[in-house]
Amino acid sequence: MRAGIGYDSHRLEEGRRLVLGGVEVEAERGLAGHSDADVLTHAIIDALLGAAGLGDIGQHFPDTDERWRDADSLALLGQVATFLDDHGWMITHIDSTVSCEAPKLAAYRDDMRRRLAETVGLRPLEVNVKFTTGERMGFVGRGEGIAALAIATVDRAAD
């Protein structure tokens, strides 16, 4: 069994929708980025790729490639799950934390867990999503952006 860590952050911007864990969250501002800027899903992608020793999100979906402009991050996560499977890895667990001052996210937790789990072939109880704030410190605390951290475990798939 192996584990990998992923981290992502994006700044908040007017005129963008806020997508976290594949779920659209009601908010005044969304995250700026080349794709849908889903920091939670991006952190999970990096954790999975790291656990399998298969690089990082920027290698597989570079923001210099127009194919990935406005991409649905859950679709990218699905591609990564298939990529890991193709390389003989089975995803066993994901744990993640989203850090933002606002909006409050607890009402979206179950949908996020379900969507992420379905995308990688796990049960919702095998995908944990937690929330915290920046306690009014740093870019998160000032409401300038949102960050996410994830850890994922993978194991060699049975033959």
C-alpha atoms as a PDB file:
ATOM      1  CA  MET A   1       0.000   0.000   0.000  1.00  0.00           C
ATOM      2  CA  ARG A   2       1.197   3.518  -0.817  1.00  0.00           C
ATOM      3  CA  ALA A   3       0.011   7.023   0.056  1.00  0.00           C
ATOM      4  CA  GLY A   4       0.260  10.338  -1.746  1.00  0.00           C
ATOM      5  CA  ILE A   5      -0.397  13.943  -0.772  1.00  0.00           C
ATOM      6  CA  GLY A   6      -1.965  16.628  -2.934  1.00  0.00           C
ATOM      7  CA  TYR A   7      -2.422  20.355  -2.442  1.00  0.00           C
ATOM      8  CA  ASP A   8      -4.029  23.060  -4.546  1.00  0.00           C
ATOM      9  CA  SER A   9      -5.145  26.661  -4.143  1.00  0.00           C
ATOM     10  CA  HIS A  10      -6.838  29.191  -6.390  1.00  0.00           C
ATOM     11  CA  ARG A  11      -7.853  32.801  -5.900  1.00  0.00           C
ATOM     12  CA  LEU A  12     -11.493  33.829  -5.781  1.00  0.00           C
ATOM     13  CA  GLU A  13     -12.792  35.965  -8.641  1.00  0.00           C
ATOM     14  CA  GLU A  14     -16.038  37.686  -9.604  1.00  0.00           C
ATOM     15  CA  GLY A  15     -17.925  36.150 -12.513  1.00  0.00           C
ATOM     16  CA  ARG A  16     -16.743  32.584 -11.913  1.00  0.00           C
ATOM     17  CA  ARG A  17     -18.792  29.725 -10.521  1.00  0.00           C
ATOM     18  CA  LEU A  18     -17.544  27.904  -7.431  1.00  0.00           C
ATOM     19  CA  VAL A  19     -17.075  24.171  -7.958  1.00  0.00           C
ATOM     20  CA  LEU A  20     -15.701  21.961  -5.178  1.00  0.00           C
ATOM     21  CA  GLY A  21     -15.598  18.180  -5.326  1.00  0.00           C
ATOM     22  CA  GLY A  22     -17.591  18.328  -8.553  1.00  0.00           C
ATOM     23  CA  VAL A  23     -20.459  20.157  -6.838  1.00  0.00           C
ATOM     24  CA  GLU A  24     -21.499  23.687  -7.742  1.00  0.00           C
ATOM     25  CA  VAL A  25     -21.626  25.727  -4.547  1.00  0.00           C
ATOM     26  CA  GLU A  26     -23.797  28.817  -4.236  1.00  0.00           C
ATOM     27  CA  ALA A  27     -21.376  31.723  -3.774  1.00  0.00           C
ATOM     28  CA  GLU A  28     -20.801  35.316  -4.828  1.00  0.00           C
ATOM     29  CA  ARG A  29     -17.372  34.480  -6.319  1.00  0.00           C
ATOM     30  CA  GLY A  30     -15.808  31.416  -7.861  1.00  0.00           C
ATOM     31  CA  LEU A  31     -12.281  30.142  -8.291  1.00  0.00           C
ATOM     32  CA  ALA A  32     -10.057  31.448 -11.070  1.00  0.00           C
ATOM     33  CA  GLY A  33      -8.203  28.908 -13.177  1.00  0.00           C
ATOM     34  CA  HIS A  34      -7.659  27.334 -16.572  1.00  0.00           C
ATOM     35  CA  SER A  35     -10.164  24.543 -15.891  1.00  0.00           C
ATOM     36  CA  ASP A  36     -13.157  24.813 -13.552  1.00  0.00           C
ATOM     37  CA  ALA A  37     -10.526  25.441 -10.810  1.00  0.00           C
ATOM     38  CA  ASP A  38     -11.969  22.797  -8.463  1.00  0.00           C
ATOM     39  CA  VAL A  39      -9.218  22.878  -5.813  1.00  0.00           C
ATOM     40  CA  LEU A  40     -10.614  19.886  -3.941  1.00  0.00           C
ATOM     41  CA  THR A  41     -10.627  17.614  -6.974  1.00  0.00           C
ATOM     42  CA  HIS A  42      -7.221  18.919  -8.089  1.00  0.00           C
ATOM     43  CA  ALA A  43      -5.701  18.109  -4.683  1.00  0.00           C
ATOM     44  CA  ILE A  44      -7.192  14.600  -4.882  1.00  0.00           C
ATOM     45  CA  ILE A  45      -5.804  14.112  -8.397  1.00  0.00           C
ATOM     46  CA  ASP A  46      -2.317  15.049  -7.192  1.00  0.00           C
ATOM     47  CA  ALA A  47      -2.623  12.770  -4.157  1.00  0.00           C
ATOM     48  CA  LEU A  48      -3.609   9.826  -6.358  1.00  0.00           C
ATOM     49  CA  LEU A  49      -0.884  10.455  -8.931  1.00  0.00           C
ATOM     50  CA  GLY A  50       1.670  10.860  -6.137  1.00  0.00           C
ATOM     51  CA  ALA A  51       0.643   7.635  -4.426  1.00  0.00           C
ATOM     52  CA  ALA A  52       1.109   5.729  -7.679  1.00  0.00           C
ATOM     53  CA  GLY A  53       4.347   7.542  -8.551  1.00  0.00           C
ATOM     54  CA  LEU A  54       2.822   8.813 -11.791  1.00  0.00           C
ATOM     55  CA  GLY A  55       3.642  12.513 -11.708  1.00  0.00           C
ATOM     56  CA  ASP A  56       1.304  15.404 -11.022  1.00  0.00           C
ATOM     57  CA  ILE A  57      -1.732  17.174 -12.438  1.00  0.00           C
ATOM     58  CA  GLY A  58       0.378  19.705 -14.341  1.00  0.00           C
ATOM     59  CA  GLN A  59       2.165  16.969 -16.269  1.00  0.00           C
ATOM     60  CA  HIS A  60      -1.053  15.286 -17.353  1.00  0.00           C
ATOM     61  CA  PHE A  61      -3.339  18.320 -17.780  1.00  0.00           C
ATOM     62  CA  PRO A  62      -1.098  21.372 -18.331  1.00  0.00           C
ATOM     63  CA  ASP A  63      -2.720  24.796 -18.221  1.00  0.00           C
ATOM     64  CA  THR A  64      -0.818  25.626 -21.399  1.00  0.00           C
ATOM     65  CA  ASP A  65      -2.959  23.133 -23.331  1.00  0.00           C
ATOM     66  CA  GLU A  66      -6.249  24.535 -24.642  1.00  0.00           C
ATOM     67  CA  ARG A  67      -7.825  21.043 -24.428  1.00  0.00           C
ATOM     68  CA  TRP A  68      -8.134  21.580 -20.688  1.00  0.00           C
ATOM     69  CA  ARG A  69      -9.618  25.114 -20.767  1.00  0.00           C
ATOM     70  CA  ASP A  70     -12.799  25.115 -18.653  1.00  0.00           C
ATOM     71  CA  ALA A  71     -12.404  21.340 -18.179  1.00  0.00           C
ATOM     72  CA  ASP A  72     -14.667  19.551 -15.723  1.00  0.00           C
ATOM     73  CA  SER A  73     -12.269  18.443 -12.983  1.00  0.00           C
ATOM     74  CA  LEU A  74     -14.376  15.375 -12.189  1.00  0.00           C
ATOM     75  CA  ALA A  75     -13.807  14.235 -15.776  1.00  0.00           C
ATOM     76  CA  LEU A  76     -10.068  14.706 -15.223  1.00  0.00           C
ATOM     77  CA  LEU A  77     -10.321  12.717 -11.987  1.00  0.00           C
ATOM     78  CA  GLY A  78     -12.073   9.927 -13.891  1.00  0.00           C
ATOM     79  CA  GLN A  79      -9.219   9.861 -16.397  1.00  0.00           C
ATOM     80  CA  VAL A  80      -6.707   9.661 -13.552  1.00  0.00           C
ATOM     81  CA  ALA A  81      -8.616   6.771 -11.930  1.00  0.00           C
ATOM     82  CA  THR A  82      -8.487   4.903 -15.255  1.00  0.00           C
ATOM     83  CA  PHE A  83      -4.787   5.759 -15.640  1.00  0.00           C
ATOM     84  CA  LEU A  84      -4.027   4.305 -12.205  1.00  0.00           C
ATOM     85  CA  ASP A  85      -6.036   1.184 -13.026  1.00  0.00           C
ATOM     86  CA  ASP A  86      -4.117   0.813 -16.294  1.00  0.00           C
ATOM     87  CA  HIS A  87      -0.888   0.909 -14.277  1.00  0.00           C
ATOM     88  CA  GLY A  88      -2.069  -1.764 -11.833  1.00  0.00           C
ATOM     89  CA  TRP A  89      -3.168   0.470  -8.941  1.00  0.00           C
ATOM     90  CA  MET A  90      -6.425   0.277  -7.006  1.00  0.00           C
ATOM     91  CA  ILE A  91      -7.612   3.345  -5.096  1.00  0.00           C
ATOM     92  CA  THR A  92      -8.478   2.400  -1.516  1.00  0.00           C
ATOM     93  CA  HIS A  93      -9.158   5.649   0.384  1.00  0.00           C
ATOM     94  CA  ILE A  94      -9.191   9.439   0.039  1.00  0.00           C
ATOM     95  CA  ASP A  95      -9.163  11.979   2.854  1.00  0.00           C
ATOM     96  CA  SER A  96      -9.302  15.706   2.158  1.00  0.00           C
ATOM     97  CA  THR A  97      -9.684  19.131   3.723  1.00  0.00           C
ATOM     98  CA  VAL A  98     -10.946  22.335   2.113  1.00  0.00           C
ATOM     99  CA  SER A  99      -9.886  25.602   3.726  1.00  0.00           C
ATOM    100  CA  CYS A 100     -12.026  28.689   3.091  1.00  0.00           C
ATOM    101  CA  GLU A 101     -13.596  31.504   5.078  1.00  0.00           C
ATOM    102  CA  ALA A 102     -16.849  31.548   3.107  1.00  0.00           C
ATOM    103  CA  PRO A 103     -19.180  30.134   2.035  1.00  0.00           C
ATOM    104  CA  LYS A 104     -20.003  27.524   4.644  1.00  0.00           C
ATOM    105  CA  LEU A 105     -19.707  24.125   2.957  1.00  0.00           C
ATOM    106  CA  ALA A 106     -21.166  21.540   5.371  1.00  0.00           C
ATOM    107  CA  ALA A 107     -24.473  21.331   3.455  1.00  0.00           C
ATOM    108  CA  TYR A 108     -22.549  20.208   0.344  1.00  0.00           C
ATOM    109  CA  ARG A 109     -20.393  17.527   2.018  1.00  0.00           C
ATOM    110  CA  ASP A 110     -22.521  14.466   1.209  1.00  0.00           C
ATOM    111  CA  ASP A 111     -22.882  15.457  -2.462  1.00  0.00           C
ATOM    112  CA  MET A 112     -19.134  16.024  -2.742  1.00  0.00           C
ATOM    113  CA  ARG A 113     -18.339  12.663  -1.179  1.00  0.00           C
ATOM    114  CA  ARG A 114     -20.840  10.875  -3.395  1.00  0.00           C
ATOM    115  CA  ARG A 115     -19.668  12.516  -6.639  1.00  0.00           C
ATOM    116  CA  LEU A 116     -15.977  12.001  -5.889  1.00  0.00           C
ATOM    117  CA  ALA A 117     -16.538   8.398  -4.801  1.00  0.00           C
ATOM    118  CA  GLU A 118     -18.586   7.548  -7.896  1.00  0.00           C
ATOM    119  CA  THR A 119     -15.898   9.031 -10.118  1.00  0.00           C
ATOM    120  CA  VAL A 120     -13.081   6.888  -8.696  1.00  0.00           C
ATOM    121  CA  GLY A 121     -15.098   3.726  -8.025  1.00  0.00           C
ATOM    122  CA  LEU A 122     -15.267   3.921  -4.234  1.00  0.00           C
ATOM    123  CA  ARG A 123     -18.093   4.062  -1.713  1.00  0.00           C
ATOM    124  CA  PRO A 124     -18.814   7.479  -0.163  1.00  0.00           C
ATOM    125  CA  LEU A 125     -17.510   6.281   3.219  1.00  0.00           C
ATOM    126  CA  GLU A 126     -14.114   5.707   1.569  1.00  0.00           C
ATOM    127  CA  VAL A 127     -13.909   9.372   0.542  1.00  0.00           C
ATOM    128  CA  ASN A 128     -13.751  11.827   3.416  1.00  0.00           C
ATOM    129  CA  VAL A 129     -14.209  15.585   2.965  1.00  0.00           C
ATOM    130  CA  LYS A 130     -13.584  18.030   5.814  1.00  0.00           C
ATOM    131  CA  PHE A 131     -13.799  21.814   6.036  1.00  0.00           C
ATOM    132  CA  THR A 132     -11.903  24.434   7.977  1.00  0.00           C
ATOM    133  CA  THR A 133     -11.228  28.165   7.845  1.00  0.00           C
ATOM    134  CA  GLY A 134      -8.070  30.243   7.847  1.00  0.00           C
ATOM    135  CA  GLU A 135      -9.099  31.893  11.142  1.00  0.00           C
ATOM    136  CA  ARG A 136      -8.854  35.234   9.285  1.00  0.00           C
ATOM    137  CA  MET A 137      -5.129  34.672   8.612  1.00  0.00           C
ATOM    138  CA  GLY A 138      -3.374  34.444   5.244  1.00  0.00           C
ATOM    139  CA  PHE A 139      -4.983  34.467   1.785  1.00  0.00           C
ATOM    140  CA  VAL A 140      -7.682  32.021   2.890  1.00  0.00           C
ATOM    141  CA  GLY A 141      -8.504  33.988   6.032  1.00  0.00           C
ATOM    142  CA  ARG A 142      -8.741  37.238   4.089  1.00  0.00           C
ATOM    143  CA  GLY A 143     -11.198  35.593   1.672  1.00  0.00           C
ATOM    144  CA  GLU A 144      -8.837  35.917  -1.285  1.00  0.00           C
ATOM    145  CA  GLY A 145      -8.838  32.234  -2.192  1.00  0.00           C
ATOM    146  CA  ILE A 146      -9.545  28.647  -1.264  1.00  0.00           C
ATOM    147  CA  ALA A 147      -7.054  25.848  -0.628  1.00  0.00           C
ATOM    148  CA  ALA A 148      -7.415  22.070  -0.389  1.00  0.00           C
ATOM    149  CA  LEU A 149      -5.232  19.263   0.885  1.00  0.00           C
ATOM    150  CA  ALA A 150      -5.749  15.560   0.203  1.00  0.00           C
ATOM    151  CA  ILE A 151      -4.156  12.231   0.956  1.00  0.00           C
ATOM    152  CA  ALA A 152      -4.950   9.105  -0.992  1.00  0.00           C
ATOM    153  CA  THR A 153      -3.978   5.492  -0.541  1.00  0.00           C
ATOM    154  CA  VAL A 154      -3.576   3.000  -3.340  1.00  0.00           C
ATOM    155  CA  ASP A 155      -2.708  -0.667  -3.421  1.00  0.00           C
ATOM    156  CA  ARG A 156      -1.583  -3.015  -6.135  1.00  0.00           C
ATOM    157  CA  ALA A 157      -4.620  -4.380  -7.939  1.00  0.00           C
ATOM    158  CA  ALA A 158      -5.176  -8.118  -7.714  1.00  0.00           C
ATOM    159  CA  ASP A 159      -4.351  -9.994 -10.905  1.00  0.00           C
END
